[in-house]
Amino acid sequence: VNMGWFRQAPGKEREFVAVISRSDITAYADSVKD
């Protein structure tokens, strides 16, 4: 299973935060990178 984290603030769209793939490749939104 590819596993992701999303977040949603009041009045905002649900946004992507981070994902880790089946093969452990990771990716992050620019706002949380590092």
PDB file of all heavy atoms in Angstrom:
ATOM      1  N   VAL A   1       0.839  -1.194   0.000  1.00  0.00           N
ATOM      2  CA  VAL A   1       0.000   0.000   0.000  1.00  0.00           C
ATOM      3  C   VAL A   1       0.875   1.245   0.000  1.00  0.00           C
ATOM      4  O   VAL A   1       1.788   1.375   0.810  1.00  0.00           O
ATOM      5  CB  VAL A   1      -0.921   0.020   1.237  1.00  0.00           C
ATOM      6  CG1 VAL A   1      -1.870   1.208   1.174  1.00  0.00           C
ATOM      7  CG2 VAL A   1      -1.699  -1.288   1.355  1.00  0.00           C
ATOM      8  N   ASN A   2       0.587   2.170  -0.919  1.00  0.00           N
ATOM      9  CA  ASN A   2       1.185   3.496  -0.844  1.00  0.00           C
ATOM     10  C   ASN A   2       0.499   4.259   0.293  1.00  0.00           C
ATOM     11  O   ASN A   2      -0.726   4.348   0.328  1.00  0.00           O
ATOM     12  CB  ASN A   2       1.000   4.271  -2.149  1.00  0.00           C
ATOM     13  CG  ASN A   2       1.728   3.644  -3.316  1.00  0.00           C
ATOM     14  OD1 ASN A   2       2.794   3.060  -3.153  1.00  0.00           O
ATOM     15  ND2 ASN A   2       1.167   3.784  -4.506  1.00  0.00           N
ATOM     16  N   MET A   3       1.276   4.811   1.190  1.00  0.00           N
ATOM     17  CA  MET A   3       0.721   5.484   2.355  1.00  0.00           C
ATOM     18  C   MET A   3       1.022   6.974   2.304  1.00  0.00           C
ATOM     19  O   MET A   3       2.180   7.375   2.139  1.00  0.00           O
ATOM     20  CB  MET A   3       1.280   4.880   3.639  1.00  0.00           C
ATOM     21  CG  MET A   3       0.935   3.413   3.832  1.00  0.00           C
ATOM     22  SD  MET A   3      -0.865   3.125   3.951  1.00  0.00           S
ATOM     23  CE  MET A   3      -1.275   4.101   5.405  1.00  0.00           C
ATOM     24  N   GLY A   4      -0.020   7.775   2.454  1.00  0.00           N
ATOM     25  CA  GLY A   4       0.129   9.219   2.390  1.00  0.00           C
ATOM     26  C   GLY A   4      -0.428   9.917   3.612  1.00  0.00           C
ATOM     27  O   GLY A   4      -1.240   9.361   4.358  1.00  0.00           O
ATOM     28  N   TRP A   5       0.033  11.127   3.810  1.00  0.00           N
ATOM     29  CA  TRP A   5      -0.528  12.034   4.807  1.00  0.00           C
ATOM     30  C   TRP A   5      -1.068  13.262   4.085  1.00  0.00           C
ATOM     31  O   TRP A   5      -0.387  13.841   3.234  1.00  0.00           O
ATOM     32  CB  TRP A   5       0.509  12.469   5.838  1.00  0.00           C
ATOM     33  CG  TRP A   5       0.889  11.409   6.825  1.00  0.00           C
ATOM     34  CD1 TRP A   5       1.952  10.554   6.760  1.00  0.00           C
ATOM     35  CD2 TRP A   5       0.216  11.102   8.052  1.00  0.00           C
ATOM     36  NE1 TRP A   5       1.985   9.731   7.857  1.00  0.00           N
ATOM     37  CE2 TRP A   5       0.921  10.052   8.667  1.00  0.00           C
ATOM     38  CE3 TRP A   5      -0.912  11.620   8.690  1.00  0.00           C
ATOM     39  CZ2 TRP A   5       0.536   9.501   9.895  1.00  0.00           C
ATOM     40  CZ3 TRP A   5      -1.296  11.070   9.897  1.00  0.00           C
ATOM     41  CH2 TRP A   5      -0.581  10.029  10.483  1.00  0.00           C
ATOM     42  N   PHE A   6      -2.277  13.643   4.437  1.00  0.00           N
ATOM     43  CA  PHE A   6      -2.914  14.856   3.953  1.00  0.00           C
ATOM     44  C   PHE A   6      -3.352  15.686   5.151  1.00  0.00           C
ATOM     45  O   PHE A   6      -3.432  15.179   6.264  1.00  0.00           O
ATOM     46  CB  PHE A   6      -4.124  14.523   3.077  1.00  0.00           C
ATOM     47  CG  PHE A   6      -3.775  13.855   1.775  1.00  0.00           C
ATOM     48  CD1 PHE A   6      -3.431  12.513   1.730  1.00  0.00           C
ATOM     49  CD2 PHE A   6      -3.799  14.566   0.589  1.00  0.00           C
ATOM     50  CE1 PHE A   6      -3.109  11.889   0.537  1.00  0.00           C
ATOM     51  CE2 PHE A   6      -3.484  13.961  -0.622  1.00  0.00           C
ATOM     52  CZ  PHE A   6      -3.138  12.620  -0.639  1.00  0.00           C
ATOM     53  N   ARG A   7      -3.642  16.944   4.908  1.00  0.00           N
ATOM     54  CA  ARG A   7      -4.148  17.792   5.984  1.00  0.00           C
ATOM     55  C   ARG A   7      -5.199  18.747   5.446  1.00  0.00           C
ATOM     56  O   ARG A   7      -5.219  19.088   4.266  1.00  0.00           O
ATOM     57  CB  ARG A   7      -3.013  18.571   6.662  1.00  0.00           C
ATOM     58  CG  ARG A   7      -2.340  19.618   5.784  1.00  0.00           C
ATOM     59  CD  ARG A   7      -1.134  20.206   6.496  1.00  0.00           C
ATOM     60  NE  ARG A   7      -0.486  21.246   5.720  1.00  0.00           N
ATOM     61  CZ  ARG A   7       0.653  21.832   6.053  1.00  0.00           C
ATOM     62  NH1 ARG A   7       1.280  21.477   7.181  1.00  0.00           N
ATOM     63  NH2 ARG A   7       1.175  22.777   5.282  1.00  0.00           N
ATOM     64  N   GLN A   8      -6.069  19.178   6.343  1.00  0.00           N
ATOM     65  CA  GLN A   8      -7.129  20.101   5.964  1.00  0.00           C
ATOM     66  C   GLN A   8      -7.375  21.092   7.092  1.00  0.00           C
ATOM     67  O   GLN A   8      -7.697  20.703   8.217  1.00  0.00           O
ATOM     68  CB  GLN A   8      -8.416  19.355   5.635  1.00  0.00           C
ATOM     69  CG  GLN A   8      -9.499  20.233   5.050  1.00  0.00           C
ATOM     70  CD  GLN A   8     -10.628  19.434   4.433  1.00  0.00           C
ATOM     71  OE1 GLN A   8     -10.843  18.278   4.788  1.00  0.00           O
ATOM     72  NE2 GLN A   8     -11.337  20.035   3.505  1.00  0.00           N
ATOM     73  N   ALA A   9      -7.218  22.361   6.786  1.00  0.00           N
ATOM     74  CA  ALA A   9      -7.504  23.439   7.714  1.00  0.00           C
ATOM     75  C   ALA A   9      -8.906  23.971   7.442  1.00  0.00           C
ATOM     76  O   ALA A   9      -9.426  23.819   6.334  1.00  0.00           O
ATOM     77  CB  ALA A   9      -6.474  24.555   7.571  1.00  0.00           C
ATOM     78  N   PRO A  10      -9.545  24.609   8.426  1.00  0.00           N
ATOM     79  CA  PRO A  10     -10.886  25.142   8.213  1.00  0.00           C
ATOM     80  C   PRO A  10     -10.944  26.086   7.014  1.00  0.00           C
ATOM     81  O   PRO A  10     -10.113  26.976   6.871  1.00  0.00           O
ATOM     82  CB  PRO A  10     -11.183  25.891   9.514  1.00  0.00           C
ATOM     83  CG  PRO A  10     -10.342  25.191  10.536  1.00  0.00           C
ATOM     84  CD  PRO A  10      -9.084  24.813   9.812  1.00  0.00           C
ATOM     85  N   GLY A  11     -11.914  25.864   6.138  1.00  0.00           N
ATOM     86  CA  GLY A  11     -12.085  26.701   4.970  1.00  0.00           C
ATOM     87  C   GLY A  11     -11.101  26.444   3.854  1.00  0.00           C
ATOM     88  O   GLY A  11     -11.119  27.166   2.853  1.00  0.00           O
ATOM     89  N   LYS A  12     -10.262  25.433   4.000  1.00  0.00           N
ATOM     90  CA  LYS A  12      -9.254  25.128   2.999  1.00  0.00           C
ATOM     91  C   LYS A  12      -9.519  23.767   2.360  1.00  0.00           C
ATOM     92  O   LYS A  12     -10.199  22.920   2.927  1.00  0.00           O
ATOM     93  CB  LYS A  12      -7.858  25.123   3.620  1.00  0.00           C
ATOM     94  CG  LYS A  12      -7.438  26.434   4.248  1.00  0.00           C
ATOM     95  CD  LYS A  12      -7.151  27.487   3.206  1.00  0.00           C
ATOM     96  CE  LYS A  12      -6.579  28.735   3.845  1.00  0.00           C
ATOM     97  NZ  LYS A  12      -6.262  29.769   2.822  1.00  0.00           N
ATOM     98  N   GLU A  13      -8.964  23.587   1.176  1.00  0.00           N
ATOM     99  CA  GLU A  13      -9.018  22.288   0.525  1.00  0.00           C
ATOM    100  C   GLU A  13      -8.080  21.322   1.225  1.00  0.00           C
ATOM    101  O   GLU A  13      -7.070  21.724   1.813  1.00  0.00           O
ATOM    102  CB  GLU A  13      -8.625  22.413  -0.950  1.00  0.00           C
ATOM    103  CG  GLU A  13      -9.532  23.293  -1.781  1.00  0.00           C
ATOM    104  CD  GLU A  13     -10.846  22.626  -2.090  1.00  0.00           C
ATOM    105  OE1 GLU A  13     -10.921  21.383  -2.043  1.00  0.00           O
ATOM    106  OE2 GLU A  13     -11.814  23.340  -2.376  1.00  0.00           O
ATOM    107  N   ARG A  14      -8.414  20.062   1.163  1.00  0.00           N
ATOM    108  CA  ARG A  14      -7.508  19.048   1.678  1.00  0.00           C
ATOM    109  C   ARG A  14      -6.249  19.037   0.809  1.00  0.00           C
ATOM    110  O   ARG A  14      -6.336  18.995  -0.423  1.00  0.00           O
ATOM    111  CB  ARG A  14      -8.175  17.679   1.671  1.00  0.00           C
ATOM    112  CG  ARG A  14      -7.355  16.589   2.338  1.00  0.00           C
ATOM    113  CD  ARG A  14      -8.188  15.329   2.584  1.00  0.00           C
ATOM    114  NE  ARG A  14      -9.297  15.592   3.489  1.00  0.00           N
ATOM    115  CZ  ARG A  14     -10.098  14.661   3.984  1.00  0.00           C
ATOM    116  NH1 ARG A  14      -9.907  13.386   3.658  1.00  0.00           N
ATOM    117  NH2 ARG A  14     -11.093  14.993   4.797  1.00  0.00           N
ATOM    118  N   GLU A  15      -5.094  19.093   1.443  1.00  0.00           N
ATOM    119  CA  GLU A  15      -3.860  19.195   0.695  1.00  0.00           C
ATOM    120  C   GLU A  15      -2.900  18.057   1.021  1.00  0.00           C
ATOM    121  O   GLU A  15      -2.854  17.541   2.136  1.00  0.00           O
ATOM    122  CB  GLU A  15      -3.169  20.546   0.938  1.00  0.00           C
ATOM    123  CG  GLU A  15      -2.644  20.750   2.339  1.00  0.00           C
ATOM    124  CD  GLU A  15      -1.806  22.013   2.479  1.00  0.00           C
ATOM    125  OE1 GLU A  15      -1.250  22.489   1.472  1.00  0.00           O
ATOM    126  OE2 GLU A  15      -1.715  22.529   3.619  1.00  0.00           O
ATOM    127  N   PHE A  16      -2.128  17.713   0.028  1.00  0.00           N
ATOM    128  CA  PHE A  16      -1.111  16.686   0.154  1.00  0.00           C
ATOM    129  C   PHE A  16       0.015  17.158   1.054  1.00  0.00           C
ATOM    130  O   PHE A  16       0.449  18.311   0.983  1.00  0.00           O
ATOM    131  CB  PHE A  16      -0.579  16.355  -1.243  1.00  0.00           C
ATOM    132  CG  PHE A  16       0.676  15.533  -1.247  1.00  0.00           C
ATOM    133  CD1 PHE A  16       0.632  14.166  -1.019  1.00  0.00           C
ATOM    134  CD2 PHE A  16       1.901  16.124  -1.502  1.00  0.00           C
ATOM    135  CE1 PHE A  16       1.787  13.404  -1.037  1.00  0.00           C
ATOM    136  CE2 PHE A  16       3.060  15.377  -1.524  1.00  0.00           C
ATOM    137  CZ  PHE A  16       3.003  14.015  -1.291  1.00  0.00           C
ATOM    138  N   VAL A  17       0.500  16.259   1.901  1.00  0.00           N
ATOM    139  CA  VAL A  17       1.619  16.554   2.783  1.00  0.00           C
ATOM    140  C   VAL A  17       2.833  15.700   2.435  1.00  0.00           C
ATOM    141  O   VAL A  17       3.921  16.220   2.187  1.00  0.00           O
ATOM    142  CB  VAL A  17       1.248  16.346   4.264  1.00  0.00           C
ATOM    143  CG1 VAL A  17       2.464  16.544   5.161  1.00  0.00           C
ATOM    144  CG2 VAL A  17       0.128  17.298   4.668  1.00  0.00           C
ATOM    145  N   ALA A  18       2.648  14.389   2.417  1.00  0.00           N
ATOM    146  CA  ALA A  18       3.767  13.479   2.179  1.00  0.00           C
ATOM    147  C   ALA A  18       3.245  12.123   1.762  1.00  0.00           C
ATOM    148  O   ALA A  18       2.097  11.763   2.041  1.00  0.00           O
ATOM    149  CB  ALA A  18       4.637  13.337   3.435  1.00  0.00           C
ATOM    150  N   VAL A  19       4.084  11.342   1.099  1.00  0.00           N
ATOM    151  CA  VAL A  19       3.738   9.987   0.706  1.00  0.00           C
ATOM    152  C   VAL A  19       4.975   9.113   0.773  1.00  0.00           C
ATOM    153  O   VAL A  19       6.092   9.587   0.540  1.00  0.00           O
ATOM    154  CB  VAL A  19       3.124   9.942  -0.720  1.00  0.00           C
ATOM    155  CG1 VAL A  19       4.111  10.450  -1.770  1.00  0.00           C
ATOM    156  CG2 VAL A  19       2.638   8.541  -1.062  1.00  0.00           C
ATOM    157  N   ILE A  20       4.772   7.865   1.121  1.00  0.00           N
ATOM    158  CA  ILE A  20       5.815   6.856   1.020  1.00  0.00           C
ATOM    159  C   ILE A  20       5.242   5.701   0.222  1.00  0.00           C
ATOM    160  O   ILE A  20       4.181   5.169   0.538  1.00  0.00           O
ATOM    161  CB  ILE A  20       6.343   6.424   2.407  1.00  0.00           C
ATOM    162  CG1 ILE A  20       7.492   5.429   2.247  1.00  0.00           C
ATOM    163  CG2 ILE A  20       5.238   5.872   3.290  1.00  0.00           C
ATOM    164  CD1 ILE A  20       8.296   5.237   3.530  1.00  0.00           C
ATOM    165  N   SER A  21       5.923   5.339  -0.845  1.00  0.00           N
ATOM    166  CA  SER A  21       5.414   4.345  -1.771  1.00  0.00           C
ATOM    167  C   SER A  21       5.686   2.934  -1.286  1.00  0.00           C
ATOM    168  O   SER A  21       6.350   2.707  -0.275  1.00  0.00           O
ATOM    169  CB  SER A  21       6.041   4.548  -3.155  1.00  0.00           C
ATOM    170  OG  SER A  21       7.371   4.056  -3.182  1.00  0.00           O
ATOM    171  N   ARG A  22       5.162   1.969  -2.051  1.00  0.00           N
ATOM    172  CA  ARG A  22       5.399   0.549  -1.747  1.00  0.00           C
ATOM    173  C   ARG A  22       6.887   0.235  -1.698  1.00  0.00           C
ATOM    174  O   ARG A  22       7.306  -0.635  -0.929  1.00  0.00           O
ATOM    175  CB  ARG A  22       4.739  -0.328  -2.806  1.00  0.00           C
ATOM    176  CG  ARG A  22       3.247  -0.149  -2.962  1.00  0.00           C
ATOM    177  CD  ARG A  22       2.753  -0.982  -4.141  1.00  0.00           C
ATOM    178  NE  ARG A  22       1.320  -0.816  -4.370  1.00  0.00           N
ATOM    179  CZ  ARG A  22       0.799   0.079  -5.187  1.00  0.00           C
ATOM    180  NH1 ARG A  22       1.591   0.903  -5.871  1.00  0.00           N
ATOM    181  NH2 ARG A  22      -0.514   0.165  -5.337  1.00  0.00           N
ATOM    182  N   SER A  23       7.650   0.939  -2.525  1.00  0.00           N
ATOM    183  CA  SER A  23       9.082   0.712  -2.604  1.00  0.00           C
ATOM    184  C   SER A  23       9.886   1.723  -1.785  1.00  0.00           C
ATOM    185  O   SER A  23      11.086   1.867  -1.987  1.00  0.00           O
ATOM    186  CB  SER A  23       9.534   0.743  -4.066  1.00  0.00           C
ATOM    187  OG  SER A  23       9.167   1.953  -4.688  1.00  0.00           O
ATOM    188  N   ASP A  24       9.213   2.433  -0.869  1.00  0.00           N
ATOM    189  CA  ASP A  24       9.841   3.368   0.067  1.00  0.00           C
ATOM    190  C   ASP A  24      10.398   4.618  -0.602  1.00  0.00           C
ATOM    191  O   ASP A  24      11.304   5.262  -0.059  1.00  0.00           O
ATOM    192  CB  ASP A  24      10.924   2.675   0.884  1.00  0.00           C
ATOM    193  CG  ASP A  24      10.358   1.714   1.906  1.00  0.00           C
ATOM    194  OD1 ASP A  24       9.188   1.892   2.305  1.00  0.00           O
ATOM    195  OD2 ASP A  24      11.079   0.775   2.303  1.00  0.00           O
ATOM    196  N   ILE A  25       9.864   4.969  -1.762  1.00  0.00           N
ATOM    197  CA  ILE A  25      10.144   6.274  -2.336  1.00  0.00           C
ATOM    198  C   ILE A  25       9.283   7.302  -1.612  1.00  0.00           C
ATOM    199  O   ILE A  25       8.098   7.077  -1.384  1.00  0.00           O
ATOM    200  CB  ILE A  25       9.845   6.295  -3.843  1.00  0.00           C
ATOM    201  CG1 ILE A  25      10.751   5.300  -4.575  1.00  0.00           C
ATOM    202  CG2 ILE A  25      10.007   7.695  -4.419  1.00  0.00           C
ATOM    203  CD1 ILE A  25      10.369   5.079  -6.021  1.00  0.00           C
ATOM    204  N   THR A  26       9.860   8.418  -1.243  1.00  0.00           N
ATOM    205  CA  THR A  26       9.137   9.451  -0.500  1.00  0.00           C
ATOM    206  C   THR A  26       9.046  10.737  -1.301  1.00  0.00           C
ATOM    207  O   THR A  26       9.902  11.038  -2.136  1.00  0.00           O
ATOM    208  CB  THR A  26       9.799   9.737   0.854  1.00  0.00           C
ATOM    209  OG1 THR A  26      11.146  10.169   0.649  1.00  0.00           O
ATOM    210  CG2 THR A  26       9.802   8.495   1.727  1.00  0.00           C
ATOM    211  N   ALA A  27       7.990  11.500  -1.028  1.00  0.00           N
ATOM    212  CA  ALA A  27       7.811  12.808  -1.637  1.00  0.00           C
ATOM    213  C   ALA A  27       7.072  13.701  -0.656  1.00  0.00           C
ATOM    214  O   ALA A  27       6.277  13.220   0.159  1.00  0.00           O
ATOM    215  CB  ALA A  27       7.043  12.700  -2.950  1.00  0.00           C
ATOM    216  N   TYR A  28       7.332  15.000  -0.735  1.00  0.00           N
ATOM    217  CA  TYR A  28       6.778  15.958   0.205  1.00  0.00           C
ATOM    218  C   TYR A  28       6.256  17.185  -0.513  1.00  0.00           C
ATOM    219  O   TYR A  28       6.774  17.582  -1.560  1.00  0.00           O
ATOM    220  CB  TYR A  28       7.839  16.406   1.211  1.00  0.00           C
ATOM    221  CG  TYR A  28       8.423  15.290   2.033  1.00  0.00           C
ATOM    222  CD1 TYR A  28       9.533  14.584   1.591  1.00  0.00           C
ATOM    223  CD2 TYR A  28       7.867  14.944   3.260  1.00  0.00           C
ATOM    224  CE1 TYR A  28      10.075  13.552   2.347  1.00  0.00           C
ATOM    225  CE2 TYR A  28       8.401  13.915   4.018  1.00  0.00           C
ATOM    226  CZ  TYR A  28       9.500  13.229   3.560  1.00  0.00           C
ATOM    227  OH  TYR A  28      10.029  12.204   4.311  1.00  0.00           O
ATOM    228  N   ALA A  29       5.244  17.801   0.076  1.00  0.00           N
ATOM    229  CA  ALA A  29       4.829  19.111  -0.376  1.00  0.00           C
ATOM    230  C   ALA A  29       5.940  20.116  -0.088  1.00  0.00           C
ATOM    231  O   ALA A  29       6.673  19.989   0.900  1.00  0.00           O
ATOM    232  CB  ALA A  29       3.544  19.540   0.330  1.00  0.00           C
ATOM    233  N   ASP A  30       6.060  21.120  -0.950  1.00  0.00           N
ATOM    234  CA  ASP A  30       7.105  22.117  -0.758  1.00  0.00           C
ATOM    235  C   ASP A  30       6.998  22.803   0.601  1.00  0.00           C
ATOM    236  O   ASP A  30       8.015  23.178   1.200  1.00  0.00           O
ATOM    237  CB  ASP A  30       7.041  23.165  -1.868  1.00  0.00           C
ATOM    238  CG  ASP A  30       7.507  22.635  -3.210  1.00  0.00           C
ATOM    239  OD1 ASP A  30       8.206  21.606  -3.239  1.00  0.00           O
ATOM    240  OD2 ASP A  30       7.174  23.263  -4.233  1.00  0.00           O
ATOM    241  N   SER A  31       5.786  22.957   1.105  1.00  0.00           N
ATOM    242  CA  SER A  31       5.572  23.674   2.351  1.00  0.00           C
ATOM    243  C   SER A  31       6.118  22.949   3.574  1.00  0.00           C
ATOM    244  O   SER A  31       6.331  23.571   4.618  1.00  0.00           O
ATOM    245  CB  SER A  31       4.081  23.957   2.551  1.00  0.00           C
ATOM    246  OG  SER A  31       3.340  22.754   2.569  1.00  0.00           O
ATOM    247  N   VAL A  32       6.356  21.635   3.468  1.00  0.00           N
ATOM    248  CA  VAL A  32       6.834  20.866   4.610  1.00  0.00           C
ATOM    249  C   VAL A  32       8.182  20.222   4.363  1.00  0.00           C
ATOM    250  O   VAL A  32       8.752  19.608   5.279  1.00  0.00           O
ATOM    251  CB  VAL A  32       5.820  19.784   5.035  1.00  0.00           C
ATOM    252  CG1 VAL A  32       4.453  20.403   5.282  1.00  0.00           C
ATOM    253  CG2 VAL A  32       5.728  18.682   3.991  1.00  0.00           C
ATOM    254  N   LYS A  33       8.692  20.347   3.162  1.00  0.00           N
ATOM    255  CA  LYS A  33       9.972  19.734   2.820  1.00  0.00           C
ATOM    256  C   LYS A  33      11.065  20.227   3.766  1.00  0.00           C
ATOM    257  O   LYS A  33      11.149  21.409   4.082  1.00  0.00           O
ATOM    258  CB  LYS A  33      10.317  20.049   1.367  1.00  0.00           C
ATOM    259  CG  LYS A  33      11.467  19.239   0.794  1.00  0.00           C
ATOM    260  CD  LYS A  33      11.626  19.507  -0.700  1.00  0.00           C
ATOM    261  CE  LYS A  33      10.376  19.132  -1.472  1.00  0.00           C
ATOM    262  NZ  LYS A  33      10.527  19.372  -2.935  1.00  0.00           N
ATOM    263  N   ASP A  34      11.884  19.310   4.221  1.00  0.00           N
ATOM    264  CA  ASP A  34      13.001  19.564   5.132  1.00  0.00           C
ATOM    265  C   ASP A  34      12.563  19.757   6.578  1.00  0.00           C
ATOM    266  O   ASP A  34      13.410  19.938   7.459  1.00  0.00           O
ATOM    267  CB  ASP A  34      13.855  20.752   4.694  1.00  0.00           C
ATOM    268  CG  ASP A  34      14.486  20.558   3.329  1.00  0.00           C
ATOM    269  OD1 ASP A  34      14.889  19.420   3.015  1.00  0.00           O
ATOM    270  OD2 ASP A  34      14.578  21.540   2.576  1.00  0.00           O
TER     271      ASP A  34
END
